[in-house]
Each structure stands twice: as C-alpha cells, then as structure tokens.
Amino acid sequence: MADSRHRKLEAELQRALAELVAREVKDPRVGNVTITAIDLAPDLRTARVYFIPFASRHAREEVQAGLTRAGGFLRGEIGRRLGLRRAPRLEFAFDDSFDRAERLTNLIDRAVDGHKHE
C-alpha cells in the first residue's frame, strides 16, 4: 500500500511541477521544459526531478541552473498545492534516457545492417 501511495505522490509532484515550470518560472534560461520523471526518496525529503529542455536556446546545464535557482519557490508552491507539511527538496537532473535509447537503437540498426551484408 505504501508503495502505491509513493508512486501516486511522485505522479502528483510531476504534474504540479510541470504546470509550475510552464506557467510560473520566469527565468529565461528555463524556457520550455518537459518534466519526464520524479524519483522521490523513501523518506520523502528529496525528489530528483528529471527534465528535458524542449527547443531551448540554452545548454542543458544553463536550464538546470535556472531550475535549481527556482527550486525554493517551486518547493514552496508544491507544498501549498499538494498540502504537504514538508515539501521535498528538489534536485534537478537532465534525463538522458532518450539519448541512451537512441544510441542503443542506432547500434542495433548497424548490427542488423551488418548482419544482412554477410
């Protein structure tokens, strides 16, 4: 039961953060960002927030710095919106799973193509 509650809270955090980042964060470095996942610590004190910049003019490190700078504001808003007594500390991390998946797909395609020519 606790596990499903934990996943539900992660989903609520993701939804609320996506909305807050899109509408409330004014830092020009952030721009359009997709919140791809939340990894909430078992003690609920920290949440790793995975993101992907979408059509950004800024490097992902700059986007991450902008999100980190807005972290205190976002944490407070999350606490209020979700009715949490203690909102988790937010740690922002670039989600490279899509890059890894693309590299893996390319490797597989090359292996299959190489196998066809033998």
PDB file of N, CA and C in Angstrom:
ATOM      1  N   MET A   1       0.828  -1.203   0.000  1.00  0.00           N
ATOM      2  CA  MET A   1       0.000   0.000   0.000  1.00  0.00           C
ATOM      3  C   MET A   1       0.865   1.257   0.000  1.00  0.00           C
ATOM      4  N   ALA A   2       1.922   1.258   0.816  1.00  0.00           N
ATOM      5  CA  ALA A   2       2.784   2.426   0.894  1.00  0.00           C
ATOM      6  C   ALA A   2       3.443   2.697  -0.456  1.00  0.00           C
ATOM      7  N   ASP A   3       3.753   1.632  -1.210  1.00  0.00           N
ATOM      8  CA  ASP A   3       4.411   1.787  -2.499  1.00  0.00           C
ATOM      9  C   ASP A   3       3.504   2.501  -3.497  1.00  0.00           C
ATOM     10  N   SER A   4       2.220   2.159  -3.525  1.00  0.00           N
ATOM     11  CA  SER A   4       1.314   2.817  -4.461  1.00  0.00           C
ATOM     12  C   SER A   4       1.088   4.275  -4.051  1.00  0.00           C
ATOM     13  N   ARG A   5       1.083   4.549  -2.753  1.00  0.00           N
ATOM     14  CA  ARG A   5       0.957   5.924  -2.275  1.00  0.00           C
ATOM     15  C   ARG A   5       2.179   6.740  -2.696  1.00  0.00           C
ATOM     16  N   HIS A   6       3.348   6.119  -2.613  1.00  0.00           N
ATOM     17  CA  HIS A   6       4.607   6.762  -3.011  1.00  0.00           C
ATOM     18  C   HIS A   6       4.569   7.108  -4.503  1.00  0.00           C
ATOM     19  N   ARG A   7       4.143   6.159  -5.331  1.00  0.00           N
ATOM     20  CA  ARG A   7       4.059   6.397  -6.782  1.00  0.00           C
ATOM     21  C   ARG A   7       3.018   7.475  -7.103  1.00  0.00           C
ATOM     22  N   LYS A   8       1.921   7.471  -6.363  1.00  0.00           N
ATOM     23  CA  LYS A   8       0.886   8.475  -6.577  1.00  0.00           C
ATOM     24  C   LYS A   8       1.426   9.871  -6.255  1.00  0.00           C
ATOM     25  N   LEU A   9       2.192   9.988  -5.179  1.00  0.00           N
ATOM     26  CA  LEU A   9       2.778  11.274  -4.809  1.00  0.00           C
ATOM     27  C   LEU A   9       3.799  11.718  -5.865  1.00  0.00           C
ATOM     28  N   GLU A  10       4.581  10.783  -6.391  1.00  0.00           N
ATOM     29  CA  GLU A  10       5.519  11.125  -7.468  1.00  0.00           C
ATOM     30  C   GLU A  10       4.767  11.666  -8.688  1.00  0.00           C
ATOM     31  N   ALA A  11       3.659  11.030  -9.035  1.00  0.00           N
ATOM     32  CA  ALA A  11       2.862  11.476 -10.180  1.00  0.00           C
ATOM     33  C   ALA A  11       2.262  12.859  -9.926  1.00  0.00           C
ATOM     34  N   GLU A  12       1.787  13.104  -8.715  1.00  0.00           N
ATOM     35  CA  GLU A  12       1.230  14.412  -8.372  1.00  0.00           C
ATOM     36  C   GLU A  12       2.309  15.486  -8.422  1.00  0.00           C
ATOM     37  N   LEU A  13       3.499  15.146  -7.919  1.00  0.00           N
ATOM     38  CA  LEU A  13       4.622  16.079  -7.973  1.00  0.00           C
ATOM     39  C   LEU A  13       4.973  16.416  -9.417  1.00  0.00           C
ATOM     40  N   GLN A  14       5.018  15.400 -10.265  1.00  0.00           N
ATOM     41  CA  GLN A  14       5.373  15.600 -11.668  1.00  0.00           C
ATOM     42  C   GLN A  14       4.363  16.522 -12.347  1.00  0.00           C
ATOM     43  N   ARG A  15       3.103  16.255 -12.133  1.00  0.00           N
ATOM     44  CA  ARG A  15       2.053  17.069 -12.750  1.00  0.00           C
ATOM     45  C   ARG A  15       2.129  18.516 -12.267  1.00  0.00           C
ATOM     46  N   ALA A  16       2.245  18.699 -10.956  1.00  0.00           N
ATOM     47  CA  ALA A  16       2.278  20.055 -10.390  1.00  0.00           C
ATOM     48  C   ALA A  16       3.539  20.807 -10.827  1.00  0.00           C
ATOM     49  N   LEU A  17       4.678  20.132 -10.827  1.00  0.00           N
ATOM     50  CA  LEU A  17       5.918  20.790 -11.253  1.00  0.00           C
ATOM     51  C   LEU A  17       5.876  21.183 -12.723  1.00  0.00           C
ATOM     52  N   ALA A  18       5.335  20.302 -13.562  1.00  0.00           N
ATOM     53  CA  ALA A  18       5.230  20.610 -14.989  1.00  0.00           C
ATOM     54  C   ALA A  18       4.410  21.885 -15.186  1.00  0.00           C
ATOM     55  N   GLU A  19       3.317  21.991 -14.464  1.00  0.00           N
ATOM     56  CA  GLU A  19       2.460  23.166 -14.570  1.00  0.00           C
ATOM     57  C   GLU A  19       3.166  24.415 -14.033  1.00  0.00           C
ATOM     58  N   LEU A  20       3.820  24.281 -12.884  1.00  0.00           N
ATOM     59  CA  LEU A  20       4.511  25.424 -12.287  1.00  0.00           C
ATOM     60  C   LEU A  20       5.663  25.915 -13.162  1.00  0.00           C
ATOM     61  N   VAL A  21       6.453  24.990 -13.678  1.00  0.00           N
ATOM     62  CA  VAL A  21       7.589  25.380 -14.518  1.00  0.00           C
ATOM     63  C   VAL A  21       7.089  26.088 -15.774  1.00  0.00           C
ATOM     64  N   ALA A  22       6.031  25.576 -16.359  1.00  0.00           N
ATOM     65  CA  ALA A  22       5.492  26.167 -17.590  1.00  0.00           C
ATOM     66  C   ALA A  22       4.890  27.551 -17.356  1.00  0.00           C
ATOM     67  N   ARG A  23       4.230  27.744 -16.210  1.00  0.00           N
ATOM     68  CA  ARG A  23       3.465  28.975 -16.013  1.00  0.00           C
ATOM     69  C   ARG A  23       4.087  29.994 -15.071  1.00  0.00           C
ATOM     70  N   GLU A  24       4.892  29.533 -14.121  1.00  0.00           N
ATOM     71  CA  GLU A  24       5.332  30.432 -13.053  1.00  0.00           C
ATOM     72  C   GLU A  24       6.823  30.780 -13.068  1.00  0.00           C
ATOM     73  N   VAL A  25       7.653  29.927 -13.640  1.00  0.00           N
ATOM     74  CA  VAL A  25       9.091  30.194 -13.626  1.00  0.00           C
ATOM     75  C   VAL A  25       9.409  31.184 -14.734  1.00  0.00           C
ATOM     76  N   LYS A  26       9.943  32.331 -14.345  1.00  0.00           N
ATOM     77  CA  LYS A  26      10.198  33.415 -15.298  1.00  0.00           C
ATOM     78  C   LYS A  26      11.655  33.461 -15.771  1.00  0.00           C
ATOM     79  N   ASP A  27      12.506  32.608 -15.238  1.00  0.00           N
ATOM     80  CA  ASP A  27      13.925  32.592 -15.615  1.00  0.00           C
ATOM     81  C   ASP A  27      14.047  32.274 -17.106  1.00  0.00           C
ATOM     82  N   PRO A  28      14.661  33.165 -17.892  1.00  0.00           N
ATOM     83  CA  PRO A  28      14.746  32.938 -19.339  1.00  0.00           C
ATOM     84  C   PRO A  28      15.573  31.711 -19.720  1.00  0.00           C
ATOM     85  N   ARG A  29      16.423  31.239 -18.815  1.00  0.00           N
ATOM     86  CA  ARG A  29      17.217  30.038 -19.116  1.00  0.00           C
ATOM     87  C   ARG A  29      16.358  28.788 -19.167  1.00  0.00           C
ATOM     88  N   VAL A  30      15.250  28.804 -18.463  1.00  0.00           N
ATOM     89  CA  VAL A  30      14.432  27.594 -18.345  1.00  0.00           C
ATOM     90  C   VAL A  30      13.635  27.330 -19.618  1.00  0.00           C
ATOM     91  N   GLY A  31      12.891  28.302 -20.101  1.00  0.00           N
ATOM     92  CA  GLY A  31      12.128  28.102 -21.328  1.00  0.00           C
ATOM     93  C   GLY A  31      11.155  26.935 -21.237  1.00  0.00           C
ATOM     94  N   ASN A  32      10.987  26.235 -22.346  1.00  0.00           N
ATOM     95  CA  ASN A  32      10.092  25.081 -22.391  1.00  0.00           C
ATOM     96  C   ASN A  32      10.835  23.847 -21.891  1.00  0.00           C
ATOM     97  N   VAL A  33      10.306  23.256 -20.855  1.00  0.00           N
ATOM     98  CA  VAL A  33      10.931  22.088 -20.233  1.00  0.00           C
ATOM     99  C   VAL A  33       9.871  21.022 -20.035  1.00  0.00           C
ATOM    100  N   THR A  34      10.229  19.797 -20.336  1.00  0.00           N
ATOM    101  CA  THR A  34       9.357  18.671 -20.046  1.00  0.00           C
ATOM    102  C   THR A  34       9.887  17.970 -18.800  1.00  0.00           C
ATOM    103  N   ILE A  35       9.031  17.810 -17.802  1.00  0.00           N
ATOM    104  CA  ILE A  35       9.383  17.047 -16.609  1.00  0.00           C
ATOM    105  C   ILE A  35       9.056  15.599 -16.939  1.00  0.00           C
ATOM    106  N   THR A  36      10.099  14.765 -17.068  1.00  0.00           N
ATOM    107  CA  THR A  36       9.891  13.394 -17.541  1.00  0.00           C
ATOM    108  C   THR A  36       9.656  12.385 -16.430  1.00  0.00           C
ATOM    109  N   ALA A  37      10.206  12.648 -15.239  1.00  0.00           N
ATOM    110  CA  ALA A  37      10.052  11.685 -14.144  1.00  0.00           C
ATOM    111  C   ALA A  37      10.411  12.342 -12.822  1.00  0.00           C
ATOM    112  N   ILE A  38       9.910  11.760 -11.751  1.00  0.00           N
ATOM    113  CA  ILE A  38      10.249  12.168 -10.385  1.00  0.00           C
ATOM    114  C   ILE A  38      10.689  10.920  -9.648  1.00  0.00           C
ATOM    115  N   ASP A  39      11.807  11.028  -8.958  1.00  0.00           N
ATOM    116  CA  ASP A  39      12.284   9.922  -8.115  1.00  0.00           C
ATOM    117  C   ASP A  39      12.289  10.446  -6.686  1.00  0.00           C
ATOM    118  N   LEU A  40      11.253  10.100  -5.944  1.00  0.00           N
ATOM    119  CA  LEU A  40      11.069  10.584  -4.584  1.00  0.00           C
ATOM    120  C   LEU A  40      11.754   9.632  -3.609  1.00  0.00           C
ATOM    121  N   ALA A  41      12.602  10.177  -2.751  1.00  0.00           N
ATOM    122  CA  ALA A  41      13.307   9.356  -1.762  1.00  0.00           C
ATOM    123  C   ALA A  41      12.293   8.676  -0.841  1.00  0.00           C
ATOM    124  N   PRO A  42      12.640   7.508  -0.324  1.00  0.00           N
ATOM    125  CA  PRO A  42      11.713   6.794   0.571  1.00  0.00           C
ATOM    126  C   PRO A  42      11.283   7.618   1.784  1.00  0.00           C
ATOM    127  N   ASP A  43      12.176   8.492   2.294  1.00  0.00           N
ATOM    128  CA  ASP A  43      11.812   9.324   3.449  1.00  0.00           C
ATOM    129  C   ASP A  43      11.076  10.614   3.048  1.00  0.00           C
ATOM    130  N   LEU A  44      10.843  10.786   1.744  1.00  0.00           N
ATOM    131  CA  LEU A  44      10.103  11.921   1.179  1.00  0.00           C
ATOM    132  C   LEU A  44      10.799  13.270   1.351  1.00  0.00           C
ATOM    133  N   ARG A  45      12.071  13.264   1.734  1.00  0.00           N
ATOM    134  CA  ARG A  45      12.773  14.533   1.969  1.00  0.00           C
ATOM    135  C   ARG A  45      13.354  15.142   0.710  1.00  0.00           C
ATOM    136  N   THR A  46      13.689  14.306  -0.265  1.00  0.00           N
ATOM    137  CA  THR A  46      14.244  14.830  -1.517  1.00  0.00           C
ATOM    138  C   THR A  46      13.534  14.189  -2.707  1.00  0.00           C
ATOM    139  N   ALA A  47      13.461  14.962  -3.763  1.00  0.00           N
ATOM    140  CA  ALA A  47      12.873  14.468  -5.009  1.00  0.00           C
ATOM    141  C   ALA A  47      13.824  14.832  -6.137  1.00  0.00           C
ATOM    142  N   ARG A  48      14.282  13.836  -6.859  1.00  0.00           N
ATOM    143  CA  ARG A  48      15.081  14.103  -8.054  1.00  0.00           C
ATOM    144  C   ARG A  48      14.098  14.297  -9.193  1.00  0.00           C
ATOM    145  N   VAL A  49      14.218  15.436  -9.844  1.00  0.00           N
ATOM    146  CA  VAL A  49      13.307  15.834 -10.916  1.00  0.00           C
ATOM    147  C   VAL A  49      14.063  15.724 -12.238  1.00  0.00           C
ATOM    148  N   TYR A  50      13.638  14.804 -13.087  1.00  0.00           N
ATOM    149  CA  TYR A  50      14.281  14.609 -14.388  1.00  0.00           C
ATOM    150  C   TYR A  50      13.565  15.475 -15.423  1.00  0.00           C
ATOM    151  N   PHE A  51      14.371  16.158 -16.240  1.00  0.00           N
ATOM    152  CA  PHE A  51      13.804  17.080 -17.216  1.00  0.00           C
ATOM    153  C   PHE A  51      14.515  16.967 -18.556  1.00  0.00           C
ATOM    154  N   ILE A  52      13.823  17.453 -19.585  1.00  0.00           N
ATOM    155  CA  ILE A  52      14.396  17.583 -20.924  1.00  0.00           C
ATOM    156  C   ILE A  52      14.011  18.972 -21.430  1.00  0.00           C
ATOM    157  N   PRO A  53      15.013  19.775 -21.818  1.00  0.00           N
ATOM    158  CA  PRO A  53      14.674  21.068 -22.438  1.00  0.00           C
ATOM    159  C   PRO A  53      14.067  20.811 -23.813  1.00  0.00           C
ATOM    160  N   PHE A  54      13.081  21.583 -24.159  1.00  0.00           N
ATOM    161  CA  PHE A  54      12.403  21.418 -25.445  1.00  0.00           C
ATOM    162  C   PHE A  54      12.652  22.667 -26.266  1.00  0.00           C
ATOM    163  N   ALA A  55      13.353  22.528 -27.377  1.00  0.00           N
ATOM    164  CA  ALA A  55      13.651  23.645 -28.288  1.00  0.00           C
ATOM    165  C   ALA A  55      14.246  24.836 -27.540  1.00  0.00           C
ATOM    166  N   SER A  56      15.218  24.558 -26.677  1.00  0.00           N
ATOM    167  CA  SER A  56      15.822  25.612 -25.873  1.00  0.00           C
ATOM    168  C   SER A  56      17.025  26.234 -26.573  1.00  0.00           C
ATOM    169  N   ARG A  57      17.181  27.538 -26.377  1.00  0.00           N
ATOM    170  CA  ARG A  57      18.366  28.228 -26.887  1.00  0.00           C
ATOM    171  C   ARG A  57      19.530  28.067 -25.917  1.00  0.00           C
ATOM    172  N   HIS A  58      19.254  27.542 -24.740  1.00  0.00           N
ATOM    173  CA  HIS A  58      20.264  27.423 -23.694  1.00  0.00           C
ATOM    174  C   HIS A  58      20.735  25.976 -23.545  1.00  0.00           C
ATOM    175  N   ALA A  59      21.995  25.830 -23.151  1.00  0.00           N
ATOM    176  CA  ALA A  59      22.543  24.500 -22.889  1.00  0.00           C
ATOM    177  C   ALA A  59      21.816  23.881 -21.704  1.00  0.00           C
ATOM    178  N   ARG A  60      21.798  22.553 -21.678  1.00  0.00           N
ATOM    179  CA  ARG A  60      21.054  21.890 -20.590  1.00  0.00           C
ATOM    180  C   ARG A  60      21.597  22.256 -19.217  1.00  0.00           C
ATOM    181  N   GLU A  61      22.894  22.574 -19.114  1.00  0.00           N
ATOM    182  CA  GLU A  61      23.463  22.992 -17.820  1.00  0.00           C
ATOM    183  C   GLU A  61      22.873  24.336 -17.388  1.00  0.00           C
ATOM    184  N   GLU A  62      22.643  25.223 -18.351  1.00  0.00           N
ATOM    185  CA  GLU A  62      22.026  26.515 -18.038  1.00  0.00           C
ATOM    186  C   GLU A  62      20.574  26.336 -17.619  1.00  0.00           C
ATOM    187  N   VAL A  63      19.873  25.451 -18.315  1.00  0.00           N
ATOM    188  CA  VAL A  63      18.474  25.167 -17.963  1.00  0.00           C
ATOM    189  C   VAL A  63      18.424  24.598 -16.542  1.00  0.00           C
ATOM    190  N   GLN A  64      19.344  23.678 -16.245  1.00  0.00           N
ATOM    191  CA  GLN A  64      19.394  23.074 -14.909  1.00  0.00           C
ATOM    192  C   GLN A  64      19.695  24.140 -13.852  1.00  0.00           C
ATOM    193  N   ALA A  65      20.595  25.062 -14.149  1.00  0.00           N
ATOM    194  CA  ALA A  65      20.899  26.148 -13.207  1.00  0.00           C
ATOM    195  C   ALA A  65      19.661  27.020 -12.965  1.00  0.00           C
ATOM    196  N   GLY A  66      18.909  27.297 -14.021  1.00  0.00           N
ATOM    197  CA  GLY A  66      17.681  28.078 -13.874  1.00  0.00           C
ATOM    198  C   GLY A  66      16.647  27.366 -13.019  1.00  0.00           C
ATOM    199  N   LEU A  67      16.504  26.063 -13.242  1.00  0.00           N
ATOM    200  CA  LEU A  67      15.562  25.278 -12.435  1.00  0.00           C
ATOM    201  C   LEU A  67      16.009  25.223 -10.979  1.00  0.00           C
ATOM    202  N   THR A  68      17.302  25.039 -10.770  1.00  0.00           N
ATOM    203  CA  THR A  68      17.835  24.976  -9.410  1.00  0.00           C
ATOM    204  C   THR A  68      17.601  26.299  -8.689  1.00  0.00           C
ATOM    205  N   ARG A  69      17.804  27.402  -9.412  1.00  0.00           N
ATOM    206  CA  ARG A  69      17.594  28.725  -8.823  1.00  0.00           C
ATOM    207  C   ARG A  69      16.122  28.909  -8.419  1.00  0.00           C
ATOM    208  N   ALA A  70      15.215  28.351  -9.196  1.00  0.00           N
ATOM    209  CA  ALA A  70      13.783  28.453  -8.891  1.00  0.00           C
ATOM    210  C   ALA A  70      13.338  27.388  -7.882  1.00  0.00           C
ATOM    211  N   GLY A  71      14.246  26.518  -7.465  1.00  0.00           N
ATOM    212  CA  GLY A  71      13.902  25.382  -6.607  1.00  0.00           C
ATOM    213  C   GLY A  71      13.187  25.736  -5.325  1.00  0.00           C
ATOM    214  N   GLY A  72      13.630  26.784  -4.645  1.00  0.00           N
ATOM    215  CA  GLY A  72      12.988  27.181  -3.389  1.00  0.00           C
ATOM    216  C   GLY A  72      11.544  27.614  -3.613  1.00  0.00           C
ATOM    217  N   PHE A  73      11.347  28.421  -4.639  1.00  0.00           N
ATOM    218  CA  PHE A  73       9.993  28.853  -4.999  1.00  0.00           C
ATOM    219  C   PHE A  73       9.126  27.641  -5.340  1.00  0.00           C
ATOM    220  N   LEU A  74       9.668  26.748  -6.190  1.00  0.00           N
ATOM    221  CA  LEU A  74       8.911  25.566  -6.615  1.00  0.00           C
ATOM    222  C   LEU A  74       8.570  24.671  -5.425  1.00  0.00           C
ATOM    223  N   ARG A  75       9.519  24.506  -4.520  1.00  0.00           N
ATOM    224  CA  ARG A  75       9.283  23.671  -3.334  1.00  0.00           C
ATOM    225  C   ARG A  75       8.139  24.236  -2.498  1.00  0.00           C
ATOM    226  N   GLY A  76       8.146  25.541  -2.293  1.00  0.00           N
ATOM    227  CA  GLY A  76       7.077  26.172  -1.519  1.00  0.00           C
ATOM    228  C   GLY A  76       5.717  26.015  -2.180  1.00  0.00           C
ATOM    229  N   GLU A  77       5.683  26.226  -3.497  1.00  0.00           N
ATOM    230  CA  GLU A  77       4.420  26.086  -4.230  1.00  0.00           C
ATOM    231  C   GLU A  77       3.920  24.645  -4.212  1.00  0.00           C
ATOM    232  N   ILE A  78       4.842  23.692  -4.351  1.00  0.00           N
ATOM    233  CA  ILE A  78       4.466  22.269  -4.299  1.00  0.00           C
ATOM    234  C   ILE A  78       3.842  21.949  -2.939  1.00  0.00           C
ATOM    235  N   GLY A  79       4.482  22.418  -1.891  1.00  0.00           N
ATOM    236  CA  GLY A  79       3.952  22.186  -0.544  1.00  0.00           C
ATOM    237  C   GLY A  79       2.550  22.713  -0.390  1.00  0.00           C
ATOM    238  N   ARG A  80       2.324  23.930  -0.891  1.00  0.00           N
ATOM    239  CA  ARG A  80       0.982  24.533  -0.796  1.00  0.00           C
ATOM    240  C   ARG A  80      -0.031  23.791  -1.658  1.00  0.00           C
ATOM    241  N   ARG A  81       0.318  23.545  -2.900  1.00  0.00           N
ATOM    242  CA  ARG A  81      -0.640  22.929  -3.831  1.00  0.00           C
ATOM    243  C   ARG A  81      -1.020  21.503  -3.446  1.00  0.00           C
ATOM    244  N   LEU A  82      -0.044  20.758  -2.929  1.00  0.00           N
ATOM    245  CA  LEU A  82      -0.321  19.358  -2.591  1.00  0.00           C
ATOM    246  C   LEU A  82      -0.656  19.172  -1.113  1.00  0.00           C
ATOM    247  N   GLY A  83      -0.643  20.260  -0.353  1.00  0.00           N
ATOM    248  CA  GLY A  83      -0.991  20.173   1.067  1.00  0.00           C
ATOM    249  C   GLY A  83       0.005  19.361   1.876  1.00  0.00           C
ATOM    250  N   LEU A  84       1.286  19.512   1.564  1.00  0.00           N
ATOM    251  CA  LEU A  84       2.324  18.756   2.275  1.00  0.00           C
ATOM    252  C   LEU A  84       2.843  19.567   3.456  1.00  0.00           C
ATOM    253  N   ARG A  85       3.021  18.899   4.593  1.00  0.00           N
ATOM    254  CA  ARG A  85       3.606  19.595   5.740  1.00  0.00           C
ATOM    255  C   ARG A  85       5.061  19.945   5.461  1.00  0.00           C
ATOM    256  N   ARG A  86       5.763  19.010   4.822  1.00  0.00           N
ATOM    257  CA  ARG A  86       7.156  19.249   4.472  1.00  0.00           C
ATOM    258  C   ARG A  86       7.345  18.837   3.014  1.00  0.00           C
ATOM    259  N   ALA A  87       7.521  19.812   2.156  1.00  0.00           N
ATOM    260  CA  ALA A  87       7.745  19.525   0.743  1.00  0.00           C
ATOM    261  C   ALA A  87       9.183  19.023   0.564  1.00  0.00           C
ATOM    262  N   PRO A  88       9.391  18.102  -0.366  1.00  0.00           N
ATOM    263  CA  PRO A  88      10.741  17.579  -0.575  1.00  0.00           C
ATOM    264  C   PRO A  88      11.670  18.622  -1.195  1.00  0.00           C
ATOM    265  N   ARG A  89      12.958  18.504  -0.891  1.00  0.00           N
ATOM    266  CA  ARG A  89      13.976  19.331  -1.541  1.00  0.00           C
ATOM    267  C   ARG A  89      14.085  18.825  -2.972  1.00  0.00           C
ATOM    268  N   LEU A  90      14.144  19.744  -3.924  1.00  0.00           N
ATOM    269  CA  LEU A  90      14.136  19.369  -5.336  1.00  0.00           C
ATOM    270  C   LEU A  90      15.552  19.384  -5.902  1.00  0.00           C
ATOM    271  N   GLU A  91      15.933  18.284  -6.526  1.00  0.00           N
ATOM    272  CA  GLU A  91      17.213  18.182  -7.217  1.00  0.00           C
ATOM    273  C   GLU A  91      16.901  17.945  -8.690  1.00  0.00           C
ATOM    274  N   PHE A  92      17.436  18.792  -9.551  1.00  0.00           N
ATOM    275  CA  PHE A  92      17.127  18.698 -10.972  1.00  0.00           C
ATOM    276  C   PHE A  92      18.245  17.965 -11.708  1.00  0.00           C
ATOM    277  N   ALA A  93      17.847  17.036 -12.584  1.00  0.00           N
ATOM    278  CA  ALA A  93      18.816  16.249 -13.349  1.00  0.00           C
ATOM    279  C   ALA A  93      18.314  16.098 -14.783  1.00  0.00           C
ATOM    280  N   PHE A  94      19.231  16.288 -15.723  1.00  0.00           N
ATOM    281  CA  PHE A  94      18.885  16.101 -17.128  1.00  0.00           C
ATOM    282  C   PHE A  94      18.561  14.632 -17.367  1.00  0.00           C
ATOM    283  N   ASP A  95      17.469  14.362 -18.052  1.00  0.00           N
ATOM    284  CA  ASP A  95      17.061  12.989 -18.358  1.00  0.00           C
ATOM    285  C   ASP A  95      17.709  12.567 -19.672  1.00  0.00           C
ATOM    286  N   ASP A  96      18.738  11.739 -19.568  1.00  0.00           N
ATOM    287  CA  ASP A  96      19.444  11.300 -20.778  1.00  0.00           C
ATOM    288  C   ASP A  96      18.960   9.942 -21.274  1.00  0.00           C
ATOM    289  N   SER A  97      17.856   9.455 -20.725  1.00  0.00           N
ATOM    290  CA  SER A  97      17.365   8.132 -21.136  1.00  0.00           C
ATOM    291  C   SER A  97      16.983   8.108 -22.609  1.00  0.00           C
ATOM    292  N   PHE A  98      16.499   9.241 -23.135  1.00  0.00           N
ATOM    293  CA  PHE A  98      16.129   9.280 -24.551  1.00  0.00           C
ATOM    294  C   PHE A  98      17.375   9.219 -25.432  1.00  0.00           C
ATOM    295  N   ASP A  99      18.440   9.914 -25.013  1.00  0.00           N
ATOM    296  CA  ASP A  99      19.712   9.848 -25.740  1.00  0.00           C
ATOM    297  C   ASP A  99      20.266   8.428 -25.728  1.00  0.00           C
ATOM    298  N   ARG A 100      20.215   7.787 -24.563  1.00  0.00           N
ATOM    299  CA  ARG A 100      20.721   6.410 -24.445  1.00  0.00           C
ATOM    300  C   ARG A 100      19.901   5.471 -25.315  1.00  0.00           C
ATOM    301  N   ALA A 101      18.594   5.643 -25.335  1.00  0.00           N
ATOM    302  CA  ALA A 101      17.729   4.788 -26.156  1.00  0.00           C
ATOM    303  C   ALA A 101      18.041   4.981 -27.636  1.00  0.00           C
ATOM    304  N   GLU A 102      18.277   6.219 -28.050  1.00  0.00           N
ATOM    305  CA  GLU A 102      18.589   6.486 -29.449  1.00  0.00           C
ATOM    306  C   GLU A 102      19.927   5.849 -29.839  1.00  0.00           C
ATOM    307  N   ARG A 103      20.928   5.968 -28.959  1.00  0.00           N
ATOM    308  CA  ARG A 103      22.232   5.349 -29.239  1.00  0.00           C
ATOM    309  C   ARG A 103      22.102   3.833 -29.352  1.00  0.00           C
ATOM    310  N   LEU A 104      21.317   3.254 -28.457  1.00  0.00           N
ATOM    311  CA  LEU A 104      21.110   1.807 -28.481  1.00  0.00           C
ATOM    312  C   LEU A 104      20.395   1.380 -29.764  1.00  0.00           C
ATOM    313  N   THR A 105      19.387   2.123 -30.164  1.00  0.00           N
ATOM    314  CA  THR A 105      18.673   1.838 -31.409  1.00  0.00           C
ATOM    315  C   THR A 105      19.621   1.902 -32.599  1.00  0.00           C
ATOM    316  N   ASN A 106      20.472   2.923 -32.631  1.00  0.00           N
ATOM    317  CA  ASN A 106      21.447   3.050 -33.722  1.00  0.00           C
ATOM    318  C   ASN A 106      22.415   1.874 -33.747  1.00  0.00           C
ATOM    319  N   LEU A 107      22.877   1.443 -32.578  1.00  0.00           N
ATOM    320  CA  LEU A 107      23.770   0.284 -32.507  1.00  0.00           C
ATOM    321  C   LEU A 107      23.085  -0.974 -33.036  1.00  0.00           C
ATOM    322  N   ILE A 108      21.849  -1.164 -32.646  1.00  0.00           N
ATOM    323  CA  ILE A 108      21.089  -2.338 -33.097  1.00  0.00           C
ATOM    324  C   ILE A 108      20.893  -2.282 -34.609  1.00  0.00           C
ATOM    325  N   ASP A 109      20.517  -1.102 -35.121  1.00  0.00           N
ATOM    326  CA  ASP A 109      20.325  -0.950 -36.562  1.00  0.00           C
ATOM    327  C   ASP A 109      21.604  -1.263 -37.326  1.00  0.00           C
ATOM    328  N   ARG A 110      22.735  -0.767 -36.840  1.00  0.00           N
ATOM    329  CA  ARG A 110      24.008  -1.044 -37.518  1.00  0.00           C
ATOM    330  C   ARG A 110      24.351  -2.522 -37.463  1.00  0.00           C
ATOM    331  N   ALA A 111      24.073  -3.161 -36.332  1.00  0.00           N
ATOM    332  CA  ALA A 111      24.356  -4.592 -36.202  1.00  0.00           C
ATOM    333  C   ALA A 111      23.480  -5.404 -37.161  1.00  0.00           C
ATOM    334  N   VAL A 112      22.214  -5.033 -37.262  1.00  0.00           N
ATOM    335  CA  VAL A 112      21.301  -5.733 -38.166  1.00  0.00           C
ATOM    336  C   VAL A 112      21.732  -5.513 -39.615  1.00  0.00           C
ATOM    337  N   ASP A 113      22.075  -4.263 -39.971  1.00  0.00           N
ATOM    338  CA  ASP A 113      22.541  -3.973 -41.331  1.00  0.00           C
ATOM    339  C   ASP A 113      23.822  -4.740 -41.645  1.00  0.00           C
ATOM    340  N   GLY A 114      24.732  -4.786 -40.705  1.00  0.00           N
ATOM    341  CA  GLY A 114      25.986  -5.527 -40.903  1.00  0.00           C
ATOM    342  C   GLY A 114      25.751  -7.008 -41.083  1.00  0.00           C
ATOM    343  N   HIS A 115      24.770  -7.522 -40.381  1.00  0.00           N
ATOM    344  CA  HIS A 115      24.435  -8.949 -40.469  1.00  0.00           C
ATOM    345  C   HIS A 115      23.804  -9.278 -41.820  1.00  0.00           C
ATOM    346  N   LYS A 116      23.043  -8.345 -42.392  1.00  0.00           N
ATOM    347  CA  LYS A 116      22.386  -8.567 -43.688  1.00  0.00           C
ATOM    348  C   LYS A 116      23.401  -8.696 -44.818  1.00  0.00           C
ATOM    349  N   HIS A 117      24.525  -8.000 -44.699  1.00  0.00           N
ATOM    350  CA  HIS A 117      25.519  -7.973 -45.771  1.00  0.00           C
ATOM    351  C   HIS A 117      26.476  -9.147 -45.711  1.00  0.00           C
ATOM    352  N   GLU A 118      26.328 -10.009 -44.740  1.00  0.00           N
ATOM    353  CA  GLU A 118      27.254 -11.149 -44.622  1.00  0.00           C
ATOM    354  C   GLU A 118      26.759 -12.337 -45.427  1.00  0.00           C
TER     355      GLU A 118
END
